[in-house]
Amino acid sequence: IVRQYVGAGEVLMHTTDESWRWRWRSDDRYFARYWGQAVRRLARGRTLRGAASLATDRVEYAAGEPVHLRARLRPAGGDASPAERLDVTIEGQSTPTRVVQLARSPSHRHDFDAVLRDLPADRYTARMALDGQPPVTAEFVVEAPPSELSRLAVDAEALAELAATTGGKFYRLDAAGRLETELPPPRSQVVERLPATPLWNSPWLVGGLCAALAGEWLLRGRSGML
């Protein structure tokens, strides 16, 4: 099964003529479903000829994620657009309007795409103006990362798992009274040994020596031993 776009339409080719075997023991359950969907898909290209579409790969994005924007033109005559780029206006509710250019896809001459990066958090509308037709729009939202107040509920399961992993215990408020009785007995443990301090360089030792010498000099003076 080969599928390819040719002109403004889609071509589907089967290199086998034995799809009728799908009817064995199932009647038209698979045969009619497949061929009915194939015909509707191929006929859709004709009904959409002359129309244009503009879409993003998603509707919601987190801040910092790339936004893939794609436009598809379906000329009535089947010829591709003469332009190699399309201008699309990006309008935000609180963000300045900007114009981005969509480059032609190398694989499909009717497709144009671009990647938007670093868009601020906002609700956006992409708008593509066409000659003689109403503009085509696509809406998407870029959401800001959740703040620290976005989730205030206590995650008891995560706290209990963390306590079990680290060898501790998790207590709820109604069981906090058991904390005092279940605490292990304290034991002394040396965390860090302080380095030794030499006494000869201590100011208190020098001061005491000076005081002793001064006291001896006073006692000798009073005793007439000088």
N, C-alpha and C. Protein backbone atom coordinates (compact mmCIF):
# COMPACT_ATOMS: atom_id res chain seq x y z
N ILE A 1 0.86 -1.18 0.00
CA ILE A 1 0.00 0.00 0.00
C ILE A 1 0.90 1.22 0.00
N VAL A 2 0.73 2.09 -1.00
CA VAL A 2 1.54 3.29 -1.15
C VAL A 2 0.59 4.49 -1.16
N ARG A 3 0.95 5.48 -0.36
CA ARG A 3 0.14 6.71 -0.28
C ARG A 3 1.04 7.90 -0.54
N GLN A 4 0.59 8.82 -1.38
CA GLN A 4 1.41 9.97 -1.74
C GLN A 4 0.51 11.11 -2.18
N TYR A 5 0.93 12.34 -1.85
CA TYR A 5 0.23 13.53 -2.33
C TYR A 5 0.75 13.87 -3.72
N VAL A 6 -0.16 14.08 -4.65
CA VAL A 6 0.17 14.51 -6.00
C VAL A 6 -0.74 15.69 -6.34
N GLY A 7 -0.13 16.85 -6.63
CA GLY A 7 -0.94 18.05 -6.85
C GLY A 7 -1.63 18.46 -5.57
N ALA A 8 -2.93 18.68 -5.65
CA ALA A 8 -3.70 19.06 -4.47
C ALA A 8 -4.46 17.88 -3.90
N GLY A 9 -4.24 16.68 -4.43
CA GLY A 9 -4.97 15.51 -3.97
C GLY A 9 -4.08 14.44 -3.42
N GLU A 10 -4.70 13.40 -2.91
CA GLU A 10 -3.99 12.28 -2.31
C GLU A 10 -4.23 11.03 -3.14
N VAL A 11 -3.18 10.27 -3.39
CA VAL A 11 -3.26 9.08 -4.21
C VAL A 11 -2.97 7.86 -3.33
N LEU A 12 -3.79 6.82 -3.48
CA LEU A 12 -3.62 5.58 -2.73
C LEU A 12 -3.51 4.44 -3.73
N MET A 13 -2.42 3.70 -3.68
CA MET A 13 -2.19 2.60 -4.61
C MET A 13 -1.97 1.30 -3.84
N HIS A 14 -2.67 0.24 -4.31
CA HIS A 14 -2.52 -1.10 -3.75
C HIS A 14 -1.83 -1.98 -4.79
N THR A 15 -0.78 -2.63 -4.38
CA THR A 15 -0.07 -3.51 -5.30
C THR A 15 -0.58 -4.94 -5.22
N THR A 16 -1.75 -5.13 -4.66
CA THR A 16 -2.39 -6.44 -4.61
C THR A 16 -3.87 -6.26 -4.90
N ASP A 17 -4.49 -7.26 -5.49
CA ASP A 17 -5.92 -7.20 -5.79
C ASP A 17 -6.68 -8.26 -5.01
N GLU A 18 -6.14 -8.68 -3.89
CA GLU A 18 -6.76 -9.76 -3.13
C GLU A 18 -7.33 -9.29 -1.80
N SER A 19 -7.70 -8.02 -1.72
CA SER A 19 -8.32 -7.55 -0.48
C SER A 19 -9.69 -8.16 -0.28
N TRP A 20 -10.28 -8.76 -1.32
CA TRP A 20 -11.57 -9.43 -1.17
C TRP A 20 -11.49 -10.60 -0.20
N ARG A 21 -10.28 -11.10 0.06
CA ARG A 21 -10.14 -12.22 0.99
C ARG A 21 -10.47 -11.80 2.43
N TRP A 22 -10.52 -10.49 2.68
CA TRP A 22 -10.88 -10.03 4.03
C TRP A 22 -12.32 -10.40 4.39
N ARG A 23 -13.10 -10.78 3.37
CA ARG A 23 -14.49 -11.13 3.62
C ARG A 23 -14.65 -12.55 4.17
N TRP A 24 -13.58 -13.31 4.18
CA TRP A 24 -13.70 -14.71 4.60
C TRP A 24 -14.08 -14.78 6.08
N ARG A 25 -15.21 -15.38 6.35
CA ARG A 25 -15.76 -15.59 7.69
C ARG A 25 -16.10 -14.30 8.43
N SER A 26 -16.03 -13.17 7.77
CA SER A 26 -16.39 -11.90 8.43
C SER A 26 -17.28 -11.02 7.56
N ASP A 27 -17.63 -11.55 6.36
CA ASP A 27 -18.48 -10.81 5.43
C ASP A 27 -17.84 -9.46 5.12
N ASP A 28 -18.55 -8.34 5.30
CA ASP A 28 -18.01 -7.02 4.98
C ASP A 28 -17.54 -6.26 6.22
N ARG A 29 -17.28 -6.97 7.29
CA ARG A 29 -16.91 -6.29 8.53
C ARG A 29 -15.63 -5.49 8.38
N TYR A 30 -14.60 -6.07 7.75
CA TYR A 30 -13.33 -5.39 7.55
C TYR A 30 -13.19 -4.82 6.13
N PHE A 31 -13.70 -5.56 5.13
CA PHE A 31 -13.56 -5.14 3.74
C PHE A 31 -14.28 -3.81 3.50
N ALA A 32 -15.54 -3.75 3.87
CA ALA A 32 -16.31 -2.53 3.62
C ALA A 32 -15.84 -1.37 4.49
N ARG A 33 -15.42 -1.70 5.72
CA ARG A 33 -14.93 -0.63 6.59
C ARG A 33 -13.67 0.02 6.02
N TYR A 34 -12.75 -0.81 5.55
CA TYR A 34 -11.50 -0.26 5.02
C TYR A 34 -11.75 0.57 3.76
N TRP A 35 -12.45 0.01 2.81
CA TRP A 35 -12.62 0.72 1.54
C TRP A 35 -13.54 1.93 1.70
N GLY A 36 -14.48 1.85 2.61
CA GLY A 36 -15.33 3.03 2.85
C GLY A 36 -14.53 4.19 3.43
N GLN A 37 -13.66 3.88 4.38
CA GLN A 37 -12.82 4.94 4.95
C GLN A 37 -11.81 5.46 3.93
N ALA A 38 -11.27 4.56 3.08
CA ALA A 38 -10.31 5.00 2.07
C ALA A 38 -10.96 5.94 1.07
N VAL A 39 -12.17 5.62 0.62
CA VAL A 39 -12.86 6.48 -0.34
C VAL A 39 -13.19 7.83 0.28
N ARG A 40 -13.64 7.82 1.52
CA ARG A 40 -13.96 9.10 2.18
C ARG A 40 -12.71 9.95 2.35
N ARG A 41 -11.59 9.32 2.68
CA ARG A 41 -10.35 10.10 2.84
C ARG A 41 -9.89 10.70 1.52
N LEU A 42 -9.95 9.92 0.45
CA LEU A 42 -9.51 10.44 -0.85
C LEU A 42 -10.46 11.50 -1.37
N ALA A 43 -11.76 11.37 -1.09
CA ALA A 43 -12.72 12.36 -1.56
C ALA A 43 -12.63 13.65 -0.76
N ARG A 44 -12.11 13.58 0.45
CA ARG A 44 -12.02 14.79 1.27
C ARG A 44 -11.08 15.81 0.65
N GLY A 45 -10.03 15.36 -0.02
CA GLY A 45 -9.12 16.31 -0.67
C GLY A 45 -9.81 17.14 -1.73
N ARG A 46 -10.80 16.58 -2.43
CA ARG A 46 -11.51 17.34 -3.45
C ARG A 46 -12.47 18.35 -2.82
N THR A 47 -13.13 17.93 -1.72
CA THR A 47 -14.07 18.84 -1.08
C THR A 47 -13.36 20.00 -0.41
N LEU A 48 -12.10 19.79 0.04
CA LEU A 48 -11.36 20.85 0.71
C LEU A 48 -10.51 21.67 -0.25
N ARG A 49 -10.60 21.41 -1.55
CA ARG A 49 -9.79 22.14 -2.50
C ARG A 49 -10.21 23.61 -2.50
N GLY A 50 -9.24 24.46 -2.45
CA GLY A 50 -9.51 25.89 -2.37
C GLY A 50 -9.57 26.41 -0.95
N ALA A 51 -9.58 25.52 0.05
CA ALA A 51 -9.62 25.92 1.46
C ALA A 51 -8.21 25.91 2.03
N ALA A 52 -8.07 26.44 3.21
CA ALA A 52 -6.78 26.50 3.90
C ALA A 52 -7.02 26.14 5.36
N SER A 53 -5.97 25.65 6.01
CA SER A 53 -6.07 25.28 7.42
C SER A 53 -4.82 25.75 8.14
N LEU A 54 -4.98 26.02 9.43
CA LEU A 54 -3.90 26.46 10.30
C LEU A 54 -4.10 25.78 11.64
N ALA A 55 -3.07 25.10 12.14
CA ALA A 55 -3.22 24.34 13.38
C ALA A 55 -1.88 24.21 14.07
N THR A 56 -1.93 23.87 15.35
CA THR A 56 -0.76 23.55 16.15
C THR A 56 -0.81 22.07 16.51
N ASP A 57 0.33 21.52 16.88
CA ASP A 57 0.35 20.10 17.20
C ASP A 57 -0.35 19.79 18.51
N ARG A 58 -0.50 20.79 19.38
CA ARG A 58 -1.24 20.62 20.63
C ARG A 58 -2.02 21.88 20.91
N VAL A 59 -2.89 21.79 21.91
CA VAL A 59 -3.68 22.96 22.31
C VAL A 59 -3.08 23.63 23.54
N GLU A 60 -2.46 22.87 24.42
CA GLU A 60 -1.87 23.40 25.65
C GLU A 60 -0.38 23.06 25.69
N TYR A 61 0.41 24.04 26.11
CA TYR A 61 1.85 23.89 26.22
C TYR A 61 2.30 24.41 27.57
N ALA A 62 3.35 23.83 28.10
CA ALA A 62 3.99 24.37 29.29
C ALA A 62 5.01 25.42 28.87
N ALA A 63 5.29 26.35 29.76
CA ALA A 63 6.24 27.42 29.45
C ALA A 63 7.60 26.82 29.09
N GLY A 64 8.16 27.26 27.97
CA GLY A 64 9.44 26.75 27.50
C GLY A 64 9.34 25.66 26.46
N GLU A 65 8.17 25.06 26.27
CA GLU A 65 8.01 24.02 25.26
C GLU A 65 7.85 24.63 23.86
N PRO A 66 8.40 24.01 22.82
CA PRO A 66 8.24 24.54 21.47
C PRO A 66 6.82 24.34 20.96
N VAL A 67 6.33 25.31 20.21
CA VAL A 67 5.00 25.26 19.61
C VAL A 67 5.17 25.04 18.11
N HIS A 68 4.67 23.93 17.60
CA HIS A 68 4.78 23.61 16.19
C HIS A 68 3.51 24.12 15.48
N LEU A 69 3.72 25.04 14.59
CA LEU A 69 2.61 25.68 13.85
C LEU A 69 2.70 25.23 12.40
N ARG A 70 1.57 24.76 11.86
CA ARG A 70 1.54 24.26 10.48
C ARG A 70 0.33 24.83 9.75
N ALA A 71 0.57 25.27 8.54
CA ALA A 71 -0.49 25.77 7.65
C ALA A 71 -0.51 24.92 6.40
N ARG A 72 -1.71 24.71 5.86
CA ARG A 72 -1.87 23.93 4.63
C ARG A 72 -2.77 24.71 3.68
N LEU A 73 -2.28 24.92 2.48
CA LEU A 73 -3.04 25.60 1.44
C LEU A 73 -3.50 24.57 0.42
N ARG A 74 -4.74 24.73 -0.04
CA ARG A 74 -5.29 23.84 -1.05
C ARG A 74 -5.81 24.70 -2.20
N PRO A 75 -4.93 25.08 -3.13
CA PRO A 75 -5.36 25.92 -4.25
C PRO A 75 -6.42 25.22 -5.08
N ALA A 76 -7.36 26.01 -5.63
CA ALA A 76 -8.46 25.44 -6.42
C ALA A 76 -7.95 24.79 -7.69
N GLY A 77 -6.90 25.34 -8.27
CA GLY A 77 -6.38 24.79 -9.51
C GLY A 77 -5.38 23.68 -9.32
N GLY A 78 -5.01 23.37 -8.07
CA GLY A 78 -4.05 22.31 -7.83
C GLY A 78 -2.62 22.75 -7.82
N ASP A 79 -2.34 24.02 -8.14
CA ASP A 79 -0.98 24.52 -8.15
C ASP A 79 -0.60 25.00 -6.77
N ALA A 80 0.66 24.92 -6.48
CA ALA A 80 1.14 25.37 -5.18
C ALA A 80 1.19 26.88 -5.12
N SER A 81 1.24 27.40 -3.91
CA SER A 81 1.36 28.83 -3.73
C SER A 81 2.71 29.31 -4.28
N PRO A 82 2.72 30.46 -4.97
CA PRO A 82 4.01 30.93 -5.51
C PRO A 82 4.97 31.37 -4.43
N ALA A 83 4.47 31.71 -3.26
CA ALA A 83 5.35 32.18 -2.20
C ALA A 83 6.00 31.00 -1.51
N GLU A 84 7.24 31.23 -1.05
CA GLU A 84 7.96 30.21 -0.31
C GLU A 84 7.73 30.31 1.18
N ARG A 85 7.14 31.42 1.63
CA ARG A 85 6.87 31.63 3.05
C ARG A 85 5.51 32.26 3.24
N LEU A 86 4.92 32.00 4.37
CA LEU A 86 3.63 32.57 4.74
C LEU A 86 3.80 33.36 6.03
N ASP A 87 3.12 34.49 6.11
CA ASP A 87 3.14 35.32 7.31
C ASP A 87 1.93 34.98 8.17
N VAL A 88 2.19 34.70 9.44
CA VAL A 88 1.13 34.38 10.39
C VAL A 88 1.29 35.31 11.59
N THR A 89 0.21 35.93 12.01
CA THR A 89 0.22 36.85 13.14
C THR A 89 -0.12 36.09 14.42
N ILE A 90 0.71 36.26 15.44
CA ILE A 90 0.49 35.64 16.74
C ILE A 90 0.03 36.72 17.70
N GLU A 91 -1.21 36.61 18.16
CA GLU A 91 -1.79 37.61 19.06
C GLU A 91 -2.01 36.97 20.43
N GLY A 92 -1.54 37.65 21.47
CA GLY A 92 -1.74 37.20 22.84
C GLY A 92 -2.61 38.18 23.60
N GLN A 93 -3.25 37.71 24.66
CA GLN A 93 -4.11 38.58 25.46
C GLN A 93 -3.31 39.65 26.19
N SER A 94 -2.12 39.32 26.66
CA SER A 94 -1.28 40.29 27.36
C SER A 94 0.13 40.35 26.78
N THR A 95 0.32 39.78 25.60
CA THR A 95 1.63 39.75 24.95
C THR A 95 1.57 40.55 23.67
N PRO A 96 2.59 41.34 23.35
CA PRO A 96 2.58 42.11 22.11
C PRO A 96 2.44 41.20 20.89
N THR A 97 1.72 41.69 19.89
CA THR A 97 1.50 40.94 18.66
C THR A 97 2.79 40.83 17.87
N ARG A 98 3.03 39.67 17.32
CA ARG A 98 4.23 39.43 16.53
C ARG A 98 3.85 38.69 15.25
N VAL A 99 4.71 38.81 14.25
CA VAL A 99 4.50 38.15 12.96
C VAL A 99 5.61 37.14 12.75
N VAL A 100 5.24 35.89 12.49
CA VAL A 100 6.21 34.84 12.22
C VAL A 100 6.02 34.34 10.80
N GLN A 101 7.09 33.83 10.24
CA GLN A 101 7.06 33.32 8.87
C GLN A 101 7.13 31.79 8.89
N LEU A 102 6.24 31.19 8.14
CA LEU A 102 6.20 29.74 8.00
C LEU A 102 6.87 29.37 6.68
N ALA A 103 7.85 28.49 6.74
CA ALA A 103 8.57 28.06 5.55
C ALA A 103 7.88 26.87 4.91
N ARG A 104 8.01 26.77 3.58
CA ARG A 104 7.40 25.67 2.86
C ARG A 104 8.06 24.34 3.23
N SER A 105 7.25 23.30 3.43
CA SER A 105 7.76 21.99 3.77
C SER A 105 8.44 21.37 2.54
N PRO A 106 9.61 20.77 2.70
CA PRO A 106 10.29 20.17 1.56
C PRO A 106 9.58 18.94 1.01
N SER A 107 8.74 18.29 1.81
CA SER A 107 8.07 17.07 1.37
C SER A 107 6.70 17.31 0.76
N HIS A 108 5.99 18.37 1.21
CA HIS A 108 4.67 18.69 0.69
C HIS A 108 4.65 20.17 0.31
N ARG A 109 4.42 20.43 -0.95
CA ARG A 109 4.51 21.81 -1.42
C ARG A 109 3.35 22.68 -0.96
N HIS A 110 2.29 22.07 -0.45
CA HIS A 110 1.15 22.84 0.05
C HIS A 110 1.23 23.10 1.55
N ASP A 111 2.24 22.55 2.22
CA ASP A 111 2.37 22.67 3.67
C ASP A 111 3.46 23.68 4.02
N PHE A 112 3.19 24.45 5.07
CA PHE A 112 4.15 25.42 5.60
C PHE A 112 4.18 25.22 7.12
N ASP A 113 5.36 25.31 7.70
CA ASP A 113 5.46 25.09 9.15
C ASP A 113 6.55 25.96 9.74
N ALA A 114 6.47 26.10 11.06
CA ALA A 114 7.44 26.87 11.84
C ALA A 114 7.36 26.39 13.28
N VAL A 115 8.43 26.64 14.03
CA VAL A 115 8.51 26.27 15.44
C VAL A 115 8.70 27.55 16.24
N LEU A 116 7.79 27.80 17.17
CA LEU A 116 7.86 28.98 18.03
C LEU A 116 8.43 28.57 19.37
N ARG A 117 9.41 29.31 19.83
CA ARG A 117 10.08 28.97 21.09
C ARG A 117 10.04 30.16 22.04
N ASP A 118 10.12 29.85 23.33
CA ASP A 118 10.22 30.86 24.40
C ASP A 118 9.04 31.82 24.37
N LEU A 119 7.83 31.31 24.17
CA LEU A 119 6.65 32.16 24.25
C LEU A 119 6.26 32.35 25.71
N PRO A 120 5.96 33.58 26.13
CA PRO A 120 5.52 33.78 27.51
C PRO A 120 4.18 33.11 27.76
N ALA A 121 3.89 32.89 29.02
CA ALA A 121 2.61 32.28 29.38
C ALA A 121 1.47 33.21 29.02
N ASP A 122 0.55 32.73 28.18
CA ASP A 122 -0.56 33.56 27.71
C ASP A 122 -1.49 32.68 26.88
N ARG A 123 -2.61 33.23 26.50
CA ARG A 123 -3.55 32.58 25.59
C ARG A 123 -3.40 33.25 24.22
N TYR A 124 -3.05 32.46 23.21
CA TYR A 124 -2.68 33.00 21.91
C TYR A 124 -3.69 32.61 20.84
N THR A 125 -3.71 33.46 19.79
CA THR A 125 -4.49 33.20 18.58
C THR A 125 -3.57 33.42 17.39
N ALA A 126 -3.36 32.37 16.61
CA ALA A 126 -2.58 32.48 15.38
C ALA A 126 -3.55 32.79 14.24
N ARG A 127 -3.23 33.81 13.46
CA ARG A 127 -4.14 34.28 12.42
C ARG A 127 -3.40 34.36 11.09
N MET A 128 -3.96 33.75 10.06
CA MET A 128 -3.37 33.77 8.72
C MET A 128 -4.37 34.41 7.77
N ALA A 129 -3.96 35.52 7.15
CA ALA A 129 -4.82 36.24 6.22
C ALA A 129 -4.65 35.69 4.81
N LEU A 130 -5.77 35.53 4.09
CA LEU A 130 -5.78 35.02 2.73
C LEU A 130 -6.46 36.01 1.81
N ASP A 131 -6.05 36.02 0.56
CA ASP A 131 -6.64 36.93 -0.42
C ASP A 131 -8.05 36.48 -0.77
N GLY A 132 -9.01 37.38 -0.55
CA GLY A 132 -10.39 37.10 -0.91
C GLY A 132 -11.08 36.08 -0.03
N GLN A 133 -10.51 35.69 1.08
CA GLN A 133 -11.11 34.71 1.97
C GLN A 133 -11.01 35.21 3.41
N PRO A 134 -11.90 34.76 4.25
CA PRO A 134 -11.78 35.14 5.67
C PRO A 134 -10.52 34.55 6.28
N PRO A 135 -9.95 35.22 7.28
CA PRO A 135 -8.70 34.71 7.89
C PRO A 135 -8.92 33.36 8.57
N VAL A 136 -7.86 32.58 8.58
CA VAL A 136 -7.87 31.27 9.23
C VAL A 136 -7.15 31.40 10.56
N THR A 137 -7.73 30.89 11.63
CA THR A 137 -7.16 31.07 12.96
C THR A 137 -6.96 29.71 13.65
N ALA A 138 -6.08 29.74 14.62
CA ALA A 138 -5.83 28.58 15.49
C ALA A 138 -5.48 29.12 16.87
N GLU A 139 -6.06 28.55 17.90
CA GLU A 139 -5.86 29.01 19.27
C GLU A 139 -5.08 27.98 20.06
N PHE A 140 -4.21 28.46 20.94
CA PHE A 140 -3.45 27.60 21.83
C PHE A 140 -3.09 28.38 23.09
N VAL A 141 -2.68 27.65 24.12
CA VAL A 141 -2.41 28.25 25.43
C VAL A 141 -1.03 27.81 25.88
N VAL A 142 -0.25 28.76 26.39
CA VAL A 142 1.03 28.48 27.03
C VAL A 142 0.85 28.76 28.52
N GLU A 143 0.96 27.73 29.33
CA GLU A 143 0.70 27.84 30.75
C GLU A 143 1.99 28.06 31.53
N ALA A 144 1.90 28.89 32.55
CA ALA A 144 3.05 29.15 33.42
C ALA A 144 3.29 27.93 34.30
N PRO A 145 4.55 27.72 34.75
CA PRO A 145 4.82 26.59 35.65
C PRO A 145 4.06 26.76 36.95
N PRO A 146 3.65 25.68 37.59
CA PRO A 146 2.88 25.78 38.83
C PRO A 146 3.70 26.42 39.94
N SER A 147 3.05 27.25 40.71
CA SER A 147 3.71 27.92 41.83
C SER A 147 3.72 27.01 43.05
N GLU A 148 4.40 27.46 44.09
CA GLU A 148 4.50 26.65 45.31
C GLU A 148 3.18 26.56 46.05
N LEU A 149 2.24 27.44 45.73
CA LEU A 149 0.93 27.42 46.39
C LEU A 149 -0.13 26.71 45.56
N SER A 150 0.27 26.11 44.43
CA SER A 150 -0.71 25.45 43.57
C SER A 150 -1.19 24.12 44.18
N ARG A 151 -0.39 23.53 45.02
CA ARG A 151 -0.77 22.26 45.65
C ARG A 151 -0.46 22.35 47.13
N LEU A 152 -1.50 22.55 47.92
CA LEU A 152 -1.34 22.73 49.36
C LEU A 152 -1.65 21.47 50.14
N ALA A 153 -2.25 20.47 49.53
CA ALA A 153 -2.59 19.25 50.26
C ALA A 153 -1.33 18.45 50.55
N VAL A 154 -1.34 17.78 51.70
CA VAL A 154 -0.20 16.97 52.12
C VAL A 154 -0.20 15.65 51.35
N ASP A 155 0.92 15.32 50.75
CA ASP A 155 1.06 14.05 50.05
C ASP A 155 1.55 13.01 51.07
N ALA A 156 0.61 12.41 51.78
CA ALA A 156 0.97 11.49 52.86
C ALA A 156 1.68 10.25 52.33
N GLU A 157 1.26 9.74 51.18
CA GLU A 157 1.90 8.54 50.64
C GLU A 157 3.36 8.79 50.29
N ALA A 158 3.65 9.94 49.68
CA ALA A 158 5.04 10.25 49.33
C ALA A 158 5.88 10.45 50.58
N LEU A 159 5.34 11.09 51.60
CA LEU A 159 6.09 11.29 52.84
C LEU A 159 6.35 9.96 53.55
N ALA A 160 5.37 9.07 53.56
CA ALA A 160 5.56 7.76 54.19
C ALA A 160 6.61 6.95 53.44
N GLU A 161 6.59 7.02 52.11
CA GLU A 161 7.60 6.30 51.31
C GLU A 161 8.98 6.87 51.54
N LEU A 162 9.08 8.19 51.62
CA LEU A 162 10.37 8.82 51.88
C LEU A 162 10.91 8.45 53.25
N ALA A 163 10.03 8.41 54.25
CA ALA A 163 10.47 8.03 55.60
C ALA A 163 10.94 6.59 55.65
N ALA A 164 10.22 5.69 54.95
CA ALA A 164 10.63 4.29 54.94
C ALA A 164 11.95 4.09 54.20
N THR A 165 12.19 4.87 53.16
CA THR A 165 13.44 4.74 52.40
C THR A 165 14.63 5.20 53.21
N THR A 166 14.46 6.25 54.01
CA THR A 166 15.56 6.80 54.78
C THR A 166 15.67 6.22 56.18
N GLY A 167 14.84 5.22 56.50
CA GLY A 167 14.92 4.60 57.81
C GLY A 167 14.21 5.35 58.91
N GLY A 168 13.29 6.21 58.57
CA GLY A 168 12.55 6.95 59.58
C GLY A 168 11.10 6.51 59.66
N LYS A 169 10.27 7.34 60.24
CA LYS A 169 8.84 7.07 60.39
C LYS A 169 8.05 8.33 60.06
N PHE A 170 6.83 8.10 59.59
CA PHE A 170 5.94 9.20 59.24
C PHE A 170 4.75 9.18 60.19
N TYR A 171 4.44 10.33 60.77
CA TYR A 171 3.34 10.45 61.72
C TYR A 171 2.35 11.48 61.21
N ARG A 172 1.10 11.13 61.29
CA ARG A 172 0.05 12.13 61.07
C ARG A 172 -0.20 12.90 62.36
N LEU A 173 -0.99 13.95 62.24
CA LEU A 173 -1.22 14.80 63.41
C LEU A 173 -1.93 14.05 64.52
N ASP A 174 -2.85 13.14 64.16
CA ASP A 174 -3.57 12.42 65.21
C ASP A 174 -2.71 11.37 65.90
N ALA A 175 -1.57 11.01 65.30
CA ALA A 175 -0.67 10.02 65.91
C ALA A 175 0.62 10.65 66.40
N ALA A 176 0.67 11.96 66.48
CA ALA A 176 1.90 12.63 66.91
C ALA A 176 2.21 12.36 68.38
N GLY A 177 1.22 11.96 69.17
CA GLY A 177 1.48 11.67 70.58
C GLY A 177 2.38 10.48 70.79
N ARG A 178 2.48 9.57 69.81
CA ARG A 178 3.34 8.40 69.95
C ARG A 178 4.80 8.71 69.65
N LEU A 179 5.06 9.92 69.18
CA LEU A 179 6.43 10.24 68.78
C LEU A 179 7.39 10.21 69.96
N GLU A 180 6.95 10.73 71.12
CA GLU A 180 7.85 10.79 72.28
C GLU A 180 8.20 9.41 72.80
N THR A 181 7.23 8.50 72.80
CA THR A 181 7.49 7.16 73.34
C THR A 181 8.24 6.28 72.35
N GLU A 182 8.16 6.55 71.07
CA GLU A 182 8.81 5.71 70.07
C GLU A 182 10.17 6.23 69.64
N LEU A 183 10.60 7.36 70.23
CA LEU A 183 11.93 7.85 69.89
C LEU A 183 12.99 6.93 70.47
N PRO A 184 14.03 6.61 69.75
CA PRO A 184 15.09 5.74 70.31
C PRO A 184 15.84 6.47 71.40
N PRO A 185 16.44 5.72 72.37
CA PRO A 185 17.19 6.38 73.45
C PRO A 185 18.38 7.14 72.88
N PRO A 186 18.70 8.28 73.47
CA PRO A 186 19.83 9.07 72.94
C PRO A 186 21.16 8.40 73.24
N ARG A 187 22.13 8.63 72.42
CA ARG A 187 23.48 8.12 72.62
C ARG A 187 24.46 9.17 72.12
N SER A 188 25.56 9.25 72.82
CA SER A 188 26.57 10.25 72.47
C SER A 188 27.34 9.79 71.24
N GLN A 189 27.69 10.71 70.45
CA GLN A 189 28.43 10.40 69.23
C GLN A 189 29.31 11.59 68.89
N VAL A 190 30.56 11.31 68.61
CA VAL A 190 31.50 12.36 68.25
C VAL A 190 31.26 12.75 66.80
N VAL A 191 30.90 13.99 66.60
CA VAL A 191 30.64 14.48 65.25
C VAL A 191 31.92 14.98 64.61
N GLU A 192 32.69 15.76 65.39
CA GLU A 192 33.93 16.33 64.85
C GLU A 192 34.85 16.67 66.02
N ARG A 193 36.11 16.37 65.88
CA ARG A 193 37.10 16.71 66.90
C ARG A 193 37.74 18.04 66.56
N LEU A 194 37.78 18.93 67.58
CA LEU A 194 38.36 20.24 67.37
C LEU A 194 39.88 20.15 67.38
N PRO A 195 40.55 20.95 66.60
CA PRO A 195 42.03 20.90 66.59
C PRO A 195 42.61 21.42 67.90
N ALA A 196 43.81 20.92 68.25
CA ALA A 196 44.48 21.33 69.50
C ALA A 196 44.94 22.79 69.42
N THR A 197 44.86 23.50 70.57
CA THR A 197 45.26 24.91 70.64
C THR A 197 46.56 25.03 71.42
N PRO A 198 47.62 25.51 70.84
CA PRO A 198 48.91 25.64 71.58
C PRO A 198 48.79 26.68 72.68
N LEU A 199 49.31 26.34 73.91
CA LEU A 199 49.19 27.27 75.04
C LEU A 199 50.21 28.41 74.97
N TRP A 200 51.37 28.17 74.35
CA TRP A 200 52.40 29.21 74.37
C TRP A 200 51.98 30.46 73.59
N ASN A 201 51.01 30.32 72.73
CA ASN A 201 50.57 31.48 71.96
C ASN A 201 49.26 32.03 72.47
N SER A 202 48.90 31.63 73.71
CA SER A 202 47.63 32.07 74.25
C SER A 202 47.79 33.43 74.93
N PRO A 203 46.95 34.41 74.68
CA PRO A 203 47.06 35.73 75.35
C PRO A 203 46.77 35.63 76.84
N TRP A 204 45.96 34.65 77.28
CA TRP A 204 45.69 34.51 78.70
C TRP A 204 46.94 34.03 79.45
N LEU A 205 47.71 33.17 78.84
CA LEU A 205 48.93 32.69 79.49
C LEU A 205 49.95 33.82 79.63
N VAL A 206 50.10 34.63 78.59
CA VAL A 206 51.03 35.78 78.67
C VAL A 206 50.55 36.77 79.71
N GLY A 207 49.25 37.01 79.76
CA GLY A 207 48.72 37.95 80.76
C GLY A 207 48.93 37.45 82.18
N GLY A 208 48.74 36.14 82.40
CA GLY A 208 48.96 35.59 83.74
C GLY A 208 50.41 35.67 84.16
N LEU A 209 51.32 35.42 83.20
CA LEU A 209 52.75 35.52 83.51
C LEU A 209 53.14 36.95 83.88
N CYS A 210 52.60 37.91 83.12
CA CYS A 210 52.90 39.33 83.43
C CYS A 210 52.33 39.72 84.80
N ALA A 211 51.14 39.22 85.13
CA ALA A 211 50.55 39.54 86.44
C ALA A 211 51.36 38.94 87.57
N ALA A 212 51.88 37.70 87.37
CA ALA A 212 52.70 37.07 88.42
C ALA A 212 53.99 37.84 88.64
N LEU A 213 54.66 38.27 87.57
CA LEU A 213 55.90 39.03 87.71
C LEU A 213 55.65 40.38 88.38
N ALA A 214 54.52 41.03 88.02
CA ALA A 214 54.21 42.32 88.65
C ALA A 214 53.92 42.16 90.14
N GLY A 215 53.20 41.07 90.48
CA GLY A 215 52.91 40.83 91.91
C GLY A 215 54.17 40.55 92.69
N GLU A 216 55.09 39.78 92.13
CA GLU A 216 56.35 39.52 92.82
C GLU A 216 57.15 40.80 93.02
N TRP A 217 57.14 41.69 92.04
CA TRP A 217 57.89 42.94 92.16
C TRP A 217 57.29 43.81 93.26
N LEU A 218 55.97 43.83 93.38
CA LEU A 218 55.34 44.62 94.45
C LEU A 218 55.65 44.04 95.83
N LEU A 219 55.59 42.73 95.97
CA LEU A 219 55.87 42.11 97.27
C LEU A 219 57.34 42.36 97.67
N ARG A 220 58.26 42.26 96.76
CA ARG A 220 59.66 42.52 97.09
C ARG A 220 59.85 44.00 97.48
N GLY A 221 59.12 44.91 96.85
CA GLY A 221 59.27 46.32 97.20
C GLY A 221 58.79 46.61 98.60
N ARG A 222 57.69 45.99 98.98
CA ARG A 222 57.15 46.24 100.32
C ARG A 222 58.05 45.56 101.41
N SER A 223 58.67 44.52 101.04
CA SER A 223 59.50 43.80 102.04
C SER A 223 60.93 44.35 102.09
N GLY A 224 61.23 45.32 101.30
CA GLY A 224 62.58 45.90 101.29
C GLY A 224 63.63 45.00 100.70
N MET A 225 63.21 44.11 99.83
CA MET A 225 64.13 43.19 99.22
C MET A 225 64.67 43.67 97.88
N LEU A 226 64.28 44.87 97.48
CA LEU A 226 64.81 45.41 96.22
C LEU A 226 66.06 46.20 96.48
